[in-house]
Amino acid sequence: MIKLKYTVLFVLFVALVSCDTTAKLSKEAQEEYLSKGKDISQKTFKLLSGNLMQQMQQGGPSQALPFCNLQAIPLTESIALQENVQLKRLSTLYRNIKNKPNVAEERILNTYNRALINGEKLSPVLMSSPTGKPQFYAPIIIGEKCLSCHGTVGKEISLKTDSLIKTMYPKDLATGYKVGDLRGIWSIQF
């Protein structure tokens, strides 16, 4: 009964939040923005993860962490420029302060997290940005390969890697994850 209650609340939340902007869009336009958002987020994920896996293969976390520190945001920005969108990866447990969500984005993250905890399927949503433009959000889920830098210290994260993380990201919040946890969201404003 509680699970059904949260499912209904999540659906109502998405419906209420998306009514204000997407109501102005035709059903076809909404589907087009959702499809484009999925394409852009997948393209960005492939670019980031492909480069990251290459760095991991060449030198493990000690090579991948500096790469992420210097290149993750510029690579994301390159896709945003190509696609003419504002594109961000956000998390309440961020590593880089530039990935910290605002209040509205934090609500989206919390809604996704509650849905995940309740065993619900997470899907992208289309809403309105504060400026009235279509806004796409999609969940980012932790995979097995993510744990060497985002797992538990002393288990998946070595002490050497933990030391490097703390040196590069003194205010890091992005460890302690398990496979299947919500890492964050993609935010794409058209």
N, C-alpha and C. Protein backbone atom coordinates (compact mmCIF):
# COMPACT_ATOMS: atom_id res chain seq x y z
N MET A 1 0.82 -1.19 0.00
CA MET A 1 0.00 0.00 0.00
C MET A 1 0.87 1.26 0.00
N ILE A 2 1.94 1.25 0.82
CA ILE A 2 2.83 2.42 0.88
C ILE A 2 3.53 2.61 -0.46
N LYS A 3 3.97 1.50 -1.08
CA LYS A 3 4.65 1.59 -2.38
C LYS A 3 3.72 2.20 -3.42
N LEU A 4 2.45 1.78 -3.41
CA LEU A 4 1.48 2.34 -4.34
C LEU A 4 1.29 3.83 -4.08
N LYS A 5 1.26 4.23 -2.81
CA LYS A 5 1.11 5.63 -2.43
C LYS A 5 2.26 6.46 -3.02
N TYR A 6 3.50 5.97 -2.88
CA TYR A 6 4.64 6.72 -3.40
C TYR A 6 4.64 6.73 -4.92
N THR A 7 4.20 5.65 -5.55
CA THR A 7 4.13 5.61 -7.00
C THR A 7 3.15 6.68 -7.48
N VAL A 8 1.98 6.73 -6.84
CA VAL A 8 0.98 7.73 -7.19
C VAL A 8 1.53 9.13 -6.96
N LEU A 9 2.21 9.35 -5.82
CA LEU A 9 2.78 10.66 -5.54
C LEU A 9 3.82 11.05 -6.58
N PHE A 10 4.67 10.10 -6.99
CA PHE A 10 5.70 10.39 -7.99
C PHE A 10 5.05 10.77 -9.31
N VAL A 11 4.04 10.01 -9.73
CA VAL A 11 3.34 10.31 -10.99
C VAL A 11 2.66 11.68 -10.90
N LEU A 12 2.03 11.97 -9.77
CA LEU A 12 1.39 13.27 -9.59
C LEU A 12 2.42 14.40 -9.61
N PHE A 13 3.56 14.17 -8.94
CA PHE A 13 4.62 15.18 -8.92
C PHE A 13 5.07 15.49 -10.34
N VAL A 14 5.36 14.46 -11.11
CA VAL A 14 5.82 14.65 -12.48
C VAL A 14 4.74 15.36 -13.30
N ALA A 15 3.50 14.94 -13.12
CA ALA A 15 2.40 15.55 -13.87
C ALA A 15 2.24 17.03 -13.51
N LEU A 16 2.26 17.33 -12.21
CA LEU A 16 2.09 18.72 -11.78
C LEU A 16 3.22 19.61 -12.24
N VAL A 17 4.43 19.14 -12.07
CA VAL A 17 5.58 19.96 -12.44
C VAL A 17 5.65 20.15 -13.94
N SER A 18 5.29 19.12 -14.69
CA SER A 18 5.42 19.22 -16.14
C SER A 18 4.23 19.92 -16.80
N CYS A 19 3.11 20.05 -16.10
CA CYS A 19 1.93 20.69 -16.68
C CYS A 19 2.20 22.12 -17.09
N ASP A 20 2.94 22.86 -16.28
CA ASP A 20 3.09 24.28 -16.53
C ASP A 20 3.78 24.58 -17.84
N THR A 21 4.72 23.78 -18.29
CA THR A 21 5.42 24.11 -19.53
C THR A 21 5.11 23.17 -20.65
N THR A 22 5.09 21.92 -20.35
CA THR A 22 4.90 20.97 -21.43
C THR A 22 3.47 20.98 -21.92
N ALA A 23 2.54 21.54 -21.14
CA ALA A 23 1.16 21.64 -21.59
C ALA A 23 1.07 22.52 -22.84
N LYS A 24 2.01 23.44 -22.98
CA LYS A 24 2.03 24.32 -24.14
C LYS A 24 2.56 23.60 -25.38
N LEU A 25 3.21 22.47 -25.18
CA LEU A 25 3.79 21.71 -26.27
C LEU A 25 2.84 20.63 -26.74
N SER A 26 2.83 20.38 -28.04
CA SER A 26 2.02 19.27 -28.55
C SER A 26 2.61 17.95 -28.04
N LYS A 27 1.82 16.92 -28.10
CA LYS A 27 2.28 15.58 -27.69
C LYS A 27 3.50 15.18 -28.51
N GLU A 28 3.48 15.50 -29.79
CA GLU A 28 4.61 15.17 -30.68
C GLU A 28 5.87 15.93 -30.26
N ALA A 29 5.70 17.21 -29.91
CA ALA A 29 6.85 18.01 -29.48
C ALA A 29 7.42 17.48 -28.17
N GLN A 30 6.54 17.10 -27.25
CA GLN A 30 7.00 16.52 -25.99
C GLN A 30 7.81 15.25 -26.24
N GLU A 31 7.29 14.39 -27.10
CA GLU A 31 7.99 13.14 -27.43
C GLU A 31 9.32 13.42 -28.10
N GLU A 32 9.35 14.45 -28.95
CA GLU A 32 10.59 14.82 -29.64
C GLU A 32 11.65 15.32 -28.65
N TYR A 33 11.23 16.16 -27.68
CA TYR A 33 12.18 16.65 -26.66
C TYR A 33 12.67 15.50 -25.78
N LEU A 34 11.77 14.61 -25.41
CA LEU A 34 12.19 13.45 -24.60
C LEU A 34 13.19 12.59 -25.37
N SER A 35 12.91 12.34 -26.64
CA SER A 35 13.81 11.54 -27.47
C SER A 35 15.17 12.23 -27.64
N LYS A 36 15.13 13.52 -27.89
CA LYS A 36 16.37 14.28 -28.07
C LYS A 36 17.17 14.30 -26.76
N GLY A 37 16.48 14.47 -25.63
CA GLY A 37 17.15 14.44 -24.33
C GLY A 37 17.83 13.11 -24.07
N LYS A 38 17.14 12.03 -24.40
CA LYS A 38 17.72 10.69 -24.23
C LYS A 38 18.96 10.54 -25.11
N ASP A 39 18.84 11.00 -26.36
CA ASP A 39 19.98 10.91 -27.29
C ASP A 39 21.19 11.70 -26.78
N ILE A 40 20.95 12.92 -26.32
CA ILE A 40 22.05 13.78 -25.85
C ILE A 40 22.68 13.19 -24.59
N SER A 41 21.86 12.73 -23.65
CA SER A 41 22.43 12.17 -22.42
C SER A 41 23.21 10.89 -22.71
N GLN A 42 22.72 10.06 -23.62
CA GLN A 42 23.45 8.84 -23.98
C GLN A 42 24.74 9.16 -24.72
N LYS A 43 24.69 10.13 -25.60
CA LYS A 43 25.89 10.56 -26.33
C LYS A 43 26.95 11.08 -25.36
N THR A 44 26.52 11.87 -24.40
CA THR A 44 27.45 12.43 -23.41
C THR A 44 28.00 11.33 -22.52
N PHE A 45 27.13 10.42 -22.09
CA PHE A 45 27.59 9.30 -21.27
C PHE A 45 28.64 8.47 -22.01
N LYS A 46 28.39 8.17 -23.27
CA LYS A 46 29.35 7.38 -24.06
C LYS A 46 30.68 8.11 -24.20
N LEU A 47 30.64 9.41 -24.43
CA LEU A 47 31.87 10.18 -24.55
C LEU A 47 32.65 10.16 -23.24
N LEU A 48 31.96 10.46 -22.14
CA LEU A 48 32.63 10.49 -20.83
C LEU A 48 33.12 9.12 -20.42
N SER A 49 32.26 8.11 -20.49
CA SER A 49 32.66 6.78 -20.02
C SER A 49 33.72 6.16 -20.92
N GLY A 50 33.63 6.41 -22.22
CA GLY A 50 34.65 5.88 -23.13
C GLY A 50 36.03 6.45 -22.82
N ASN A 51 36.10 7.75 -22.63
CA ASN A 51 37.37 8.39 -22.27
C ASN A 51 37.85 7.93 -20.89
N LEU A 52 36.92 7.82 -19.96
CA LEU A 52 37.27 7.41 -18.61
C LEU A 52 37.80 5.97 -18.59
N MET A 53 37.13 5.08 -19.31
CA MET A 53 37.59 3.69 -19.35
C MET A 53 38.97 3.58 -20.00
N GLN A 54 39.23 4.39 -20.99
CA GLN A 54 40.55 4.42 -21.61
C GLN A 54 41.61 4.83 -20.58
N GLN A 55 41.30 5.85 -19.79
CA GLN A 55 42.23 6.30 -18.75
C GLN A 55 42.42 5.22 -17.67
N MET A 56 41.33 4.54 -17.31
CA MET A 56 41.41 3.47 -16.31
C MET A 56 42.29 2.33 -16.82
N GLN A 57 42.15 1.98 -18.09
CA GLN A 57 42.96 0.90 -18.66
C GLN A 57 44.43 1.28 -18.73
N GLN A 58 44.71 2.53 -18.98
CA GLN A 58 46.09 2.98 -19.11
C GLN A 58 46.78 3.17 -17.76
N GLY A 59 46.02 3.54 -16.72
CA GLY A 59 46.71 3.82 -15.46
C GLY A 59 45.85 3.71 -14.21
N GLY A 60 44.65 3.13 -14.35
CA GLY A 60 43.79 2.96 -13.18
C GLY A 60 43.27 4.29 -12.64
N PRO A 61 42.74 4.27 -11.43
CA PRO A 61 42.18 5.49 -10.85
C PRO A 61 43.18 6.64 -10.75
N SER A 62 44.47 6.33 -10.57
CA SER A 62 45.45 7.41 -10.44
C SER A 62 45.61 8.19 -11.74
N GLN A 63 45.22 7.61 -12.86
CA GLN A 63 45.22 8.35 -14.12
C GLN A 63 43.81 8.87 -14.44
N ALA A 64 42.80 8.12 -14.08
CA ALA A 64 41.42 8.50 -14.41
C ALA A 64 40.94 9.70 -13.61
N LEU A 65 41.30 9.77 -12.33
CA LEU A 65 40.83 10.89 -11.50
C LEU A 65 41.31 12.25 -12.00
N PRO A 66 42.60 12.41 -12.30
CA PRO A 66 43.02 13.71 -12.84
C PRO A 66 42.35 14.03 -14.17
N PHE A 67 42.14 12.99 -14.99
CA PHE A 67 41.44 13.19 -16.26
C PHE A 67 40.03 13.73 -16.00
N CYS A 68 39.30 13.07 -15.11
CA CYS A 68 37.94 13.52 -14.77
C CYS A 68 37.95 14.95 -14.23
N ASN A 69 38.89 15.21 -13.36
CA ASN A 69 38.99 16.52 -12.74
C ASN A 69 39.14 17.62 -13.78
N LEU A 70 39.93 17.35 -14.81
CA LEU A 70 40.21 18.37 -15.81
C LEU A 70 39.32 18.32 -17.04
N GLN A 71 38.81 17.13 -17.39
CA GLN A 71 38.15 16.97 -18.69
C GLN A 71 36.65 16.69 -18.67
N ALA A 72 36.08 16.22 -17.55
CA ALA A 72 34.66 15.84 -17.55
C ALA A 72 33.76 17.02 -17.92
N ILE A 73 33.96 18.15 -17.30
CA ILE A 73 33.09 19.31 -17.60
C ILE A 73 33.35 19.85 -19.00
N PRO A 74 34.61 20.01 -19.45
CA PRO A 74 34.81 20.46 -20.84
C PRO A 74 34.22 19.49 -21.89
N LEU A 75 34.31 18.19 -21.64
CA LEU A 75 33.70 17.23 -22.58
C LEU A 75 32.18 17.39 -22.59
N THR A 76 31.59 17.56 -21.42
CA THR A 76 30.15 17.77 -21.33
C THR A 76 29.76 19.06 -22.04
N GLU A 77 30.54 20.10 -21.83
CA GLU A 77 30.27 21.38 -22.48
C GLU A 77 30.41 21.29 -24.00
N SER A 78 31.31 20.43 -24.49
CA SER A 78 31.47 20.28 -25.94
C SER A 78 30.19 19.70 -26.57
N ILE A 79 29.56 18.76 -25.87
CA ILE A 79 28.30 18.19 -26.37
C ILE A 79 27.20 19.25 -26.30
N ALA A 80 27.16 20.00 -25.22
CA ALA A 80 26.15 21.06 -25.07
C ALA A 80 26.26 22.06 -26.22
N LEU A 81 27.48 22.42 -26.56
CA LEU A 81 27.71 23.36 -27.66
C LEU A 81 27.25 22.75 -28.99
N GLN A 82 27.62 21.49 -29.23
CA GLN A 82 27.20 20.80 -30.47
C GLN A 82 25.68 20.74 -30.59
N GLU A 83 25.02 20.49 -29.47
CA GLU A 83 23.57 20.27 -29.47
C GLU A 83 22.76 21.54 -29.19
N ASN A 84 23.45 22.64 -28.90
CA ASN A 84 22.80 23.91 -28.59
C ASN A 84 21.83 23.79 -27.41
N VAL A 85 22.33 23.21 -26.32
CA VAL A 85 21.55 23.04 -25.08
C VAL A 85 22.42 23.42 -23.88
N GLN A 86 21.78 23.56 -22.74
CA GLN A 86 22.52 23.63 -21.48
C GLN A 86 22.49 22.23 -20.90
N LEU A 87 23.66 21.68 -20.62
CA LEU A 87 23.78 20.28 -20.22
C LEU A 87 24.60 20.18 -18.94
N LYS A 88 24.03 19.48 -17.94
CA LYS A 88 24.74 19.31 -16.67
C LYS A 88 24.52 17.90 -16.15
N ARG A 89 25.49 17.45 -15.36
CA ARG A 89 25.33 16.25 -14.53
C ARG A 89 25.27 16.76 -13.11
N LEU A 90 24.24 16.37 -12.37
CA LEU A 90 24.03 16.91 -11.03
C LEU A 90 23.87 15.80 -10.02
N SER A 91 24.29 16.08 -8.79
CA SER A 91 24.12 15.12 -7.71
C SER A 91 24.11 15.85 -6.37
N THR A 92 23.33 15.33 -5.43
CA THR A 92 23.38 15.87 -4.08
C THR A 92 24.67 15.43 -3.39
N LEU A 93 25.22 14.30 -3.85
CA LEU A 93 26.50 13.80 -3.34
C LEU A 93 27.55 14.02 -4.43
N TYR A 94 27.85 15.28 -4.65
CA TYR A 94 28.74 15.66 -5.74
C TYR A 94 30.21 15.54 -5.33
N ARG A 95 31.03 15.41 -6.33
CA ARG A 95 32.48 15.42 -6.15
C ARG A 95 33.00 16.80 -6.52
N ASN A 96 32.51 17.34 -7.59
CA ASN A 96 32.89 18.67 -8.06
C ASN A 96 31.75 19.63 -7.72
N ILE A 97 32.06 20.73 -7.09
CA ILE A 97 31.06 21.71 -6.67
C ILE A 97 30.22 22.20 -7.85
N LYS A 98 30.77 22.14 -9.06
CA LYS A 98 30.03 22.57 -10.25
C LYS A 98 28.87 21.63 -10.57
N ASN A 99 28.84 20.47 -9.95
CA ASN A 99 27.76 19.50 -10.16
C ASN A 99 26.72 19.54 -9.03
N LYS A 100 26.79 20.60 -8.22
CA LYS A 100 25.83 20.74 -7.12
C LYS A 100 24.50 21.25 -7.69
N PRO A 101 23.39 20.61 -7.33
CA PRO A 101 22.09 21.04 -7.85
C PRO A 101 21.56 22.27 -7.13
N ASN A 102 20.70 23.01 -7.83
CA ASN A 102 19.97 24.08 -7.16
C ASN A 102 18.78 23.45 -6.42
N VAL A 103 17.95 24.25 -5.79
CA VAL A 103 16.85 23.72 -4.97
C VAL A 103 15.86 22.89 -5.81
N ALA A 104 15.50 23.39 -6.98
CA ALA A 104 14.55 22.67 -7.84
C ALA A 104 15.16 21.36 -8.32
N GLU A 105 16.43 21.39 -8.70
CA GLU A 105 17.10 20.17 -9.17
C GLU A 105 17.25 19.15 -8.03
N GLU A 106 17.48 19.66 -6.83
CA GLU A 106 17.58 18.77 -5.67
C GLU A 106 16.25 18.06 -5.42
N ARG A 107 15.14 18.76 -5.65
CA ARG A 107 13.82 18.12 -5.51
C ARG A 107 13.66 16.98 -6.51
N ILE A 108 14.12 17.21 -7.74
CA ILE A 108 14.05 16.16 -8.77
C ILE A 108 14.88 14.96 -8.32
N LEU A 109 16.09 15.22 -7.87
CA LEU A 109 16.96 14.14 -7.38
C LEU A 109 16.30 13.37 -6.24
N ASN A 110 15.72 14.08 -5.29
CA ASN A 110 15.06 13.42 -4.16
C ASN A 110 13.85 12.60 -4.60
N THR A 111 13.12 13.10 -5.58
CA THR A 111 11.97 12.36 -6.10
C THR A 111 12.44 11.07 -6.77
N TYR A 112 13.47 11.16 -7.59
CA TYR A 112 14.03 9.95 -8.22
C TYR A 112 14.53 8.98 -7.16
N ASN A 113 15.21 9.48 -6.15
CA ASN A 113 15.76 8.61 -5.12
C ASN A 113 14.65 7.88 -4.35
N ARG A 114 13.58 8.60 -4.00
CA ARG A 114 12.45 7.95 -3.32
C ARG A 114 11.82 6.88 -4.21
N ALA A 115 11.68 7.19 -5.48
CA ALA A 115 11.10 6.22 -6.42
C ALA A 115 11.98 4.97 -6.50
N LEU A 116 13.29 5.17 -6.57
CA LEU A 116 14.22 4.04 -6.63
C LEU A 116 14.13 3.19 -5.37
N ILE A 117 14.10 3.83 -4.23
CA ILE A 117 13.99 3.12 -2.95
C ILE A 117 12.71 2.30 -2.90
N ASN A 118 11.65 2.81 -3.52
CA ASN A 118 10.36 2.11 -3.53
C ASN A 118 10.25 1.08 -4.65
N GLY A 119 11.36 0.85 -5.36
CA GLY A 119 11.38 -0.18 -6.39
C GLY A 119 10.72 0.22 -7.69
N GLU A 120 10.51 1.50 -7.90
CA GLU A 120 9.87 1.96 -9.11
C GLU A 120 10.89 2.11 -10.24
N LYS A 121 10.41 1.98 -11.45
CA LYS A 121 11.26 2.18 -12.62
C LYS A 121 11.48 3.67 -12.81
N LEU A 122 12.72 4.07 -12.99
CA LEU A 122 13.04 5.49 -13.19
C LEU A 122 13.07 5.79 -14.68
N SER A 123 12.40 6.84 -15.05
CA SER A 123 12.32 7.23 -16.46
C SER A 123 12.63 8.71 -16.59
N PRO A 124 13.11 9.11 -17.76
CA PRO A 124 13.32 10.53 -18.01
C PRO A 124 12.00 11.28 -17.94
N VAL A 125 12.08 12.57 -17.59
CA VAL A 125 10.90 13.42 -17.55
C VAL A 125 11.19 14.73 -18.28
N LEU A 126 10.13 15.33 -18.80
CA LEU A 126 10.22 16.63 -19.45
C LEU A 126 9.40 17.60 -18.63
N MET A 127 10.03 18.70 -18.26
CA MET A 127 9.37 19.72 -17.44
C MET A 127 9.66 21.08 -18.05
N SER A 128 9.42 22.10 -17.26
CA SER A 128 9.71 23.46 -17.68
C SER A 128 10.84 24.02 -16.85
N SER A 129 11.75 24.71 -17.50
CA SER A 129 12.79 25.43 -16.76
C SER A 129 12.16 26.70 -16.19
N PRO A 130 12.85 27.36 -15.27
CA PRO A 130 12.32 28.64 -14.75
C PRO A 130 12.08 29.69 -15.83
N THR A 131 12.77 29.56 -16.96
CA THR A 131 12.58 30.51 -18.06
C THR A 131 11.49 30.05 -19.03
N GLY A 132 10.86 28.92 -18.73
CA GLY A 132 9.77 28.43 -19.57
C GLY A 132 10.21 27.55 -20.72
N LYS A 133 11.48 27.21 -20.78
CA LYS A 133 11.99 26.36 -21.85
C LYS A 133 11.86 24.89 -21.45
N PRO A 134 11.72 24.00 -22.43
CA PRO A 134 11.66 22.56 -22.10
C PRO A 134 12.92 22.12 -21.37
N GLN A 135 12.72 21.36 -20.31
CA GLN A 135 13.81 20.89 -19.44
C GLN A 135 13.69 19.37 -19.31
N PHE A 136 14.75 18.67 -19.66
CA PHE A 136 14.80 17.20 -19.62
C PHE A 136 15.64 16.77 -18.42
N TYR A 137 15.14 15.77 -17.69
CA TYR A 137 15.90 15.16 -16.60
C TYR A 137 15.89 13.65 -16.80
N ALA A 138 17.03 13.02 -16.52
CA ALA A 138 17.11 11.56 -16.57
C ALA A 138 18.04 11.09 -15.46
N PRO A 139 17.74 9.94 -14.86
CA PRO A 139 18.57 9.43 -13.77
C PRO A 139 19.91 8.90 -14.26
N ILE A 140 20.91 8.99 -13.40
CA ILE A 140 22.22 8.37 -13.63
C ILE A 140 22.38 7.33 -12.53
N ILE A 141 22.53 6.08 -12.93
CA ILE A 141 22.60 4.97 -11.98
C ILE A 141 24.03 4.44 -11.90
N ILE A 142 24.46 4.10 -10.70
CA ILE A 142 25.81 3.57 -10.48
C ILE A 142 25.92 2.15 -11.05
N GLY A 143 26.98 1.95 -11.84
CA GLY A 143 27.30 0.63 -12.37
C GLY A 143 28.52 0.06 -11.66
N GLU A 144 28.83 -1.17 -11.95
CA GLU A 144 29.95 -1.87 -11.31
C GLU A 144 31.28 -1.13 -11.52
N LYS A 145 31.51 -0.64 -12.72
CA LYS A 145 32.78 0.03 -13.03
C LYS A 145 32.96 1.35 -12.28
N CYS A 146 31.86 1.92 -11.83
CA CYS A 146 31.90 3.21 -11.13
C CYS A 146 32.48 3.08 -9.71
N LEU A 147 32.41 1.87 -9.16
CA LEU A 147 32.72 1.69 -7.75
C LEU A 147 34.19 1.90 -7.39
N SER A 148 35.11 1.76 -8.34
CA SER A 148 36.52 1.94 -7.99
C SER A 148 36.83 3.38 -7.59
N CYS A 149 35.94 4.31 -7.94
CA CYS A 149 36.10 5.70 -7.51
C CYS A 149 34.90 6.22 -6.71
N HIS A 150 33.78 5.50 -6.74
CA HIS A 150 32.57 5.96 -6.06
C HIS A 150 32.02 4.94 -5.06
N GLY A 151 32.71 3.83 -4.86
CA GLY A 151 32.25 2.80 -3.93
C GLY A 151 32.65 3.12 -2.49
N THR A 152 32.93 2.08 -1.74
CA THR A 152 33.28 2.22 -0.32
C THR A 152 34.78 2.15 -0.15
N VAL A 153 35.31 3.10 0.61
CA VAL A 153 36.75 3.13 0.90
C VAL A 153 37.12 1.86 1.68
N GLY A 154 38.21 1.22 1.25
CA GLY A 154 38.66 -0.01 1.89
C GLY A 154 38.02 -1.24 1.30
N LYS A 155 37.02 -1.04 0.47
CA LYS A 155 36.38 -2.17 -0.20
C LYS A 155 36.66 -2.05 -1.70
N GLU A 156 35.89 -1.21 -2.40
CA GLU A 156 36.14 -1.01 -3.83
C GLU A 156 37.17 0.09 -4.08
N ILE A 157 37.25 1.05 -3.16
CA ILE A 157 38.19 2.17 -3.30
C ILE A 157 39.41 1.89 -2.42
N SER A 158 40.57 1.85 -3.06
CA SER A 158 41.80 1.63 -2.29
C SER A 158 42.13 2.87 -1.47
N LEU A 159 42.97 2.70 -0.46
CA LEU A 159 43.38 3.85 0.36
C LEU A 159 44.16 4.86 -0.48
N LYS A 160 44.95 4.36 -1.44
CA LYS A 160 45.70 5.25 -2.34
C LYS A 160 44.74 6.10 -3.18
N THR A 161 43.70 5.46 -3.72
CA THR A 161 42.71 6.19 -4.52
C THR A 161 41.95 7.18 -3.65
N ASP A 162 41.59 6.77 -2.44
CA ASP A 162 40.89 7.66 -1.52
C ASP A 162 41.74 8.89 -1.22
N SER A 163 43.02 8.69 -1.02
CA SER A 163 43.92 9.81 -0.75
C SER A 163 43.96 10.77 -1.93
N LEU A 164 44.01 10.22 -3.14
CA LEU A 164 44.02 11.05 -4.35
C LEU A 164 42.70 11.81 -4.49
N ILE A 165 41.59 11.15 -4.23
CA ILE A 165 40.29 11.82 -4.29
C ILE A 165 40.26 12.99 -3.32
N LYS A 166 40.70 12.76 -2.09
CA LYS A 166 40.68 13.82 -1.08
C LYS A 166 41.61 14.97 -1.42
N THR A 167 42.71 14.67 -2.12
CA THR A 167 43.63 15.71 -2.55
C THR A 167 43.01 16.55 -3.66
N MET A 168 42.41 15.88 -4.63
CA MET A 168 41.84 16.58 -5.79
C MET A 168 40.49 17.21 -5.50
N TYR A 169 39.73 16.58 -4.60
CA TYR A 169 38.37 17.05 -4.28
C TYR A 169 38.24 17.08 -2.75
N PRO A 170 38.76 18.10 -2.09
CA PRO A 170 38.76 18.14 -0.63
C PRO A 170 37.36 18.07 0.01
N LYS A 171 36.33 18.46 -0.73
CA LYS A 171 34.96 18.45 -0.19
C LYS A 171 34.12 17.35 -0.84
N ASP A 172 34.77 16.28 -1.28
CA ASP A 172 34.10 15.17 -1.97
C ASP A 172 33.00 14.56 -1.11
N LEU A 173 31.86 14.32 -1.75
CA LEU A 173 30.73 13.63 -1.10
C LEU A 173 30.35 12.36 -1.86
N ALA A 174 31.08 12.04 -2.92
CA ALA A 174 30.64 11.05 -3.90
C ALA A 174 31.20 9.64 -3.72
N THR A 175 31.27 9.16 -2.49
CA THR A 175 31.68 7.77 -2.26
C THR A 175 30.61 7.07 -1.42
N GLY A 176 30.76 5.76 -1.29
CA GLY A 176 29.82 4.98 -0.49
C GLY A 176 28.67 4.41 -1.30
N TYR A 177 28.74 4.52 -2.61
CA TYR A 177 27.67 4.00 -3.46
C TYR A 177 27.77 2.48 -3.63
N LYS A 178 26.62 1.90 -3.99
CA LYS A 178 26.51 0.50 -4.37
C LYS A 178 25.93 0.45 -5.78
N VAL A 179 26.15 -0.65 -6.48
CA VAL A 179 25.59 -0.83 -7.82
C VAL A 179 24.07 -0.66 -7.73
N GLY A 180 23.53 0.14 -8.64
CA GLY A 180 22.10 0.39 -8.69
C GLY A 180 21.64 1.63 -7.96
N ASP A 181 22.55 2.26 -7.19
CA ASP A 181 22.19 3.51 -6.50
C ASP A 181 22.03 4.64 -7.51
N LEU A 182 21.26 5.65 -7.12
CA LEU A 182 21.13 6.84 -7.93
C LEU A 182 22.36 7.71 -7.71
N ARG A 183 23.15 7.90 -8.76
CA ARG A 183 24.35 8.73 -8.67
C ARG A 183 24.00 10.20 -8.86
N GLY A 184 23.02 10.45 -9.71
CA GLY A 184 22.65 11.83 -10.01
C GLY A 184 21.65 11.88 -11.14
N ILE A 185 21.60 13.03 -11.80
CA ILE A 185 20.70 13.22 -12.95
C ILE A 185 21.40 13.98 -14.07
N TRP A 186 20.92 13.72 -15.27
CA TRP A 186 21.25 14.55 -16.42
C TRP A 186 20.23 15.66 -16.44
N SER A 187 20.67 16.87 -16.68
CA SER A 187 19.78 18.02 -16.82
C SER A 187 20.09 18.67 -18.16
N ILE A 188 19.08 18.72 -19.01
CA ILE A 188 19.26 19.31 -20.34
C ILE A 188 18.17 20.34 -20.57
N GLN A 189 18.58 21.58 -20.73
CA GLN A 189 17.62 22.64 -21.04
C GLN A 189 17.74 22.97 -22.52
N PHE A 190 16.63 22.90 -23.21
CA PHE A 190 16.61 23.17 -24.65
C PHE A 190 16.44 24.64 -24.93
